[in-house]
Amino acid sequence: MRVPAIAVAIAMSFAAPAVYAQTGTPPSTEDNFTPEHLALAQDVVDATQSAATFDDILPRVAQQLQGIFTRSNPAIAPQVEEVVYEVALEFASRRVELARTIQLVWARRFTVEELQELKDFFTSGTGQKFVALTPSITALSVGAARQWEQELSQQMLDEARNRLVASGAL
């Protein structure tokens, strides 16, 4: 029962950056971006699903805290669960802080024109396909790199060993 409530609270907190982008009220910062710049940055963040990677932070931290508190005294597990759940719900509204930071990361690195081009691409069929396939492409690329690294490591070990044996060092 608790997980869905946390999920709903987190989901509701995602609406805040879009409100900032739509209303033109910029986040508190030393940067002076135009409302258009921030809105486009948010549009690209949304289109690329860049912030989705961080959706598990609050639930993960809550779970870690429960483990920390109950490890030393398992008898208080129900009370710890209730308190951590309450705290997590209270902190869910702070997700907008991360959303603002991500929005600013994009705004600082791309001009309005570049953000418009990115938005156009990522909202196109090809861009949406790119976003949808990026996690699997990344996973496959990482897997290929690890496999290559293991093969390379073994081959280098074998070659170095052969040379050391040939020189009499081993």
Protein backbone atom coordinates (compact mmCIF):
# COMPACT_ATOMS: atom_id res chain seq x y z
CA MET A 1 0.00 0.00 0.00
CA ARG A 2 2.80 2.41 0.80
CA VAL A 3 4.68 2.14 -2.48
CA PRO A 4 1.77 3.36 -4.65
CA ALA A 5 1.23 6.36 -2.38
CA ILE A 6 4.91 7.31 -2.65
CA ALA A 7 4.74 6.79 -6.41
CA VAL A 8 1.71 9.10 -6.66
CA ALA A 9 3.42 11.77 -4.58
CA ILE A 10 6.52 11.56 -6.74
CA ALA A 11 4.49 11.67 -9.94
CA MET A 12 2.64 14.76 -8.74
CA SER A 13 5.93 16.47 -7.99
CA PHE A 14 6.94 16.12 -11.66
CA ALA A 15 4.30 18.61 -12.72
CA ALA A 16 6.09 21.50 -11.06
CA PRO A 17 8.89 22.00 -13.63
CA ALA A 18 6.34 22.08 -16.43
CA VAL A 19 4.38 24.73 -14.54
CA TYR A 20 7.54 26.83 -14.23
CA ALA A 21 8.19 26.43 -17.94
CA GLN A 22 4.61 27.27 -18.90
CA THR A 23 4.16 30.22 -16.57
CA GLY A 24 7.52 31.72 -17.40
CA THR A 25 8.43 32.00 -13.77
CA PRO A 26 12.05 30.89 -13.74
CA PRO A 27 13.53 28.86 -10.92
CA SER A 28 15.55 30.75 -8.37
CA THR A 29 19.03 31.00 -9.85
CA GLU A 30 21.77 33.42 -10.72
CA ASP A 31 21.22 32.64 -14.40
CA ASN A 32 18.89 34.91 -16.32
CA PHE A 33 17.30 32.64 -18.89
CA THR A 34 14.27 33.79 -20.79
CA PRO A 35 11.02 31.96 -20.15
CA GLU A 36 11.28 30.60 -23.72
CA HIS A 37 14.76 29.22 -23.01
CA LEU A 38 13.61 27.46 -19.85
CA ALA A 39 10.44 26.17 -21.50
CA LEU A 40 12.41 24.70 -24.39
CA ALA A 41 14.92 23.18 -22.00
CA GLN A 42 12.05 21.55 -20.12
CA ASP A 43 10.47 20.39 -23.36
CA VAL A 44 13.72 18.66 -24.33
CA VAL A 45 14.10 17.12 -20.86
CA ASP A 46 10.55 15.79 -21.19
CA ALA A 47 10.99 14.59 -24.77
CA THR A 48 14.25 12.79 -23.95
CA GLN A 49 12.92 11.47 -20.64
CA SER A 50 16.22 12.65 -19.16
CA ALA A 51 14.84 13.08 -15.66
CA ALA A 52 13.17 9.65 -15.57
CA THR A 53 16.52 8.10 -14.73
CA PHE A 54 16.27 9.67 -11.29
CA ASP A 55 12.72 8.63 -10.44
CA ASP A 56 13.90 5.89 -8.10
CA ILE A 57 15.98 8.14 -5.84
CA LEU A 58 13.32 8.81 -3.18
CA PRO A 59 12.05 5.21 -2.92
CA ARG A 60 15.64 3.92 -2.89
CA VAL A 61 16.69 6.34 -0.14
CA ALA A 62 13.58 5.45 1.89
CA GLN A 63 14.39 1.76 1.58
CA GLN A 64 18.01 2.37 2.58
CA LEU A 65 16.92 4.35 5.63
CA GLN A 66 14.57 1.59 6.72
CA GLY A 67 17.47 -0.84 6.50
CA ILE A 68 19.77 1.44 8.48
CA PHE A 69 17.28 1.92 11.32
CA THR A 70 16.06 -1.66 11.51
CA ARG A 71 19.48 -3.26 11.23
CA SER A 72 20.37 -2.22 14.76
CA ASN A 73 16.90 -2.90 16.18
CA PRO A 74 14.62 -5.13 14.08
CA ALA A 75 11.87 -4.91 16.69
CA ILE A 76 11.06 -1.33 15.66
CA ALA A 77 10.68 -2.19 11.95
CA PRO A 78 6.94 -1.32 11.79
CA GLN A 79 7.50 2.05 13.45
CA VAL A 80 10.53 2.76 11.25
CA GLU A 81 8.52 1.89 8.14
CA GLU A 82 5.73 4.26 9.13
CA VAL A 83 8.06 7.16 9.98
CA VAL A 84 10.23 6.73 6.89
CA TYR A 85 7.07 6.52 4.76
CA GLU A 86 5.78 9.80 6.25
CA VAL A 87 9.13 11.50 5.73
CA ALA A 88 9.34 10.22 2.14
CA LEU A 89 5.90 11.64 1.37
CA GLU A 90 6.92 14.99 2.84
CA PHE A 91 10.16 15.02 0.85
CA ALA A 92 8.51 13.99 -2.43
CA SER A 93 7.67 17.62 -3.17
CA ARG A 94 11.40 18.35 -3.20
CA ARG A 95 11.76 16.39 -6.45
CA VAL A 96 11.14 19.71 -8.19
CA GLU A 97 14.59 20.84 -6.97
CA LEU A 98 16.24 18.14 -9.06
CA ALA A 99 13.91 18.85 -11.97
CA ARG A 100 14.91 22.53 -11.90
CA THR A 101 18.58 21.63 -11.81
CA ILE A 102 18.20 19.28 -14.79
CA GLN A 103 16.30 21.98 -16.66
CA LEU A 104 19.14 24.43 -15.98
CA VAL A 105 21.76 21.89 -17.05
CA TRP A 106 20.14 21.79 -20.47
CA ALA A 107 19.52 25.56 -20.61
CA ARG A 108 23.15 26.31 -19.78
CA ARG A 109 24.49 24.05 -22.49
CA PHE A 110 22.18 24.81 -25.40
CA THR A 111 20.94 28.00 -26.98
CA VAL A 112 17.25 28.58 -27.62
CA GLU A 113 17.80 27.71 -31.26
CA GLU A 114 19.63 24.48 -30.42
CA LEU A 115 16.96 23.49 -27.91
CA GLN A 116 14.30 24.09 -30.57
CA GLU A 117 16.20 21.83 -32.97
CA LEU A 118 16.53 19.17 -30.26
CA LYS A 119 12.85 19.46 -29.41
CA ASP A 120 11.90 19.11 -33.06
CA PHE A 121 14.06 16.01 -33.36
CA PHE A 122 13.04 14.32 -30.12
CA THR A 123 9.35 14.89 -30.76
CA SER A 124 9.65 13.42 -34.28
CA GLY A 125 9.07 9.74 -34.96
CA THR A 126 12.80 9.13 -35.27
CA GLY A 127 13.52 11.06 -32.09
CA GLN A 128 10.88 9.14 -30.15
CA LYS A 129 12.35 5.89 -31.47
CA PHE A 130 15.79 7.09 -30.38
CA VAL A 131 14.52 7.81 -26.87
CA ALA A 132 12.71 4.48 -26.67
CA LEU A 133 15.71 2.48 -27.88
CA THR A 134 18.45 4.36 -26.04
CA PRO A 135 18.27 2.25 -22.85
CA SER A 136 18.59 -1.03 -24.75
CA ILE A 137 21.25 0.35 -27.10
CA THR A 138 23.20 1.60 -24.10
CA ALA A 139 22.84 -1.72 -22.28
CA LEU A 140 23.95 -3.65 -25.35
CA SER A 141 26.87 -1.27 -25.90
CA VAL A 142 27.98 -1.59 -22.28
CA GLY A 143 27.69 -5.36 -22.53
CA ALA A 144 29.74 -5.39 -25.74
CA ALA A 145 32.38 -3.16 -24.14
CA ARG A 146 32.61 -5.42 -21.07
CA GLN A 147 32.92 -8.53 -23.22
CA TRP A 148 35.60 -6.87 -25.35
CA GLU A 149 37.42 -5.74 -22.20
CA GLN A 150 37.40 -9.28 -20.78
CA GLU A 151 38.67 -10.76 -24.05
CA LEU A 152 41.32 -8.05 -24.36
CA SER A 153 42.38 -8.58 -20.76
CA GLN A 154 42.76 -12.33 -21.25
CA GLN A 155 44.67 -11.87 -24.52
CA MET A 156 47.00 -9.29 -22.98
CA LEU A 157 47.57 -11.53 -19.96
CA ASP A 158 48.39 -14.48 -22.22
CA GLU A 159 50.72 -12.40 -24.41
CA ALA A 160 52.52 -10.80 -21.46
CA ARG A 161 52.88 -14.20 -19.78
CA ASN A 162 54.28 -15.75 -23.00
CA ARG A 163 56.82 -12.97 -23.37
CA LEU A 164 57.84 -13.17 -19.71
CA VAL A 165 58.23 -16.95 -20.01
CA ALA A 166 60.22 -16.54 -23.24
CA SER A 167 62.55 -14.05 -21.54
CA GLY A 168 63.03 -16.37 -18.57
CA ALA A 169 61.42 -13.96 -16.09
CA LEU A 170 58.66 -16.48 -15.32
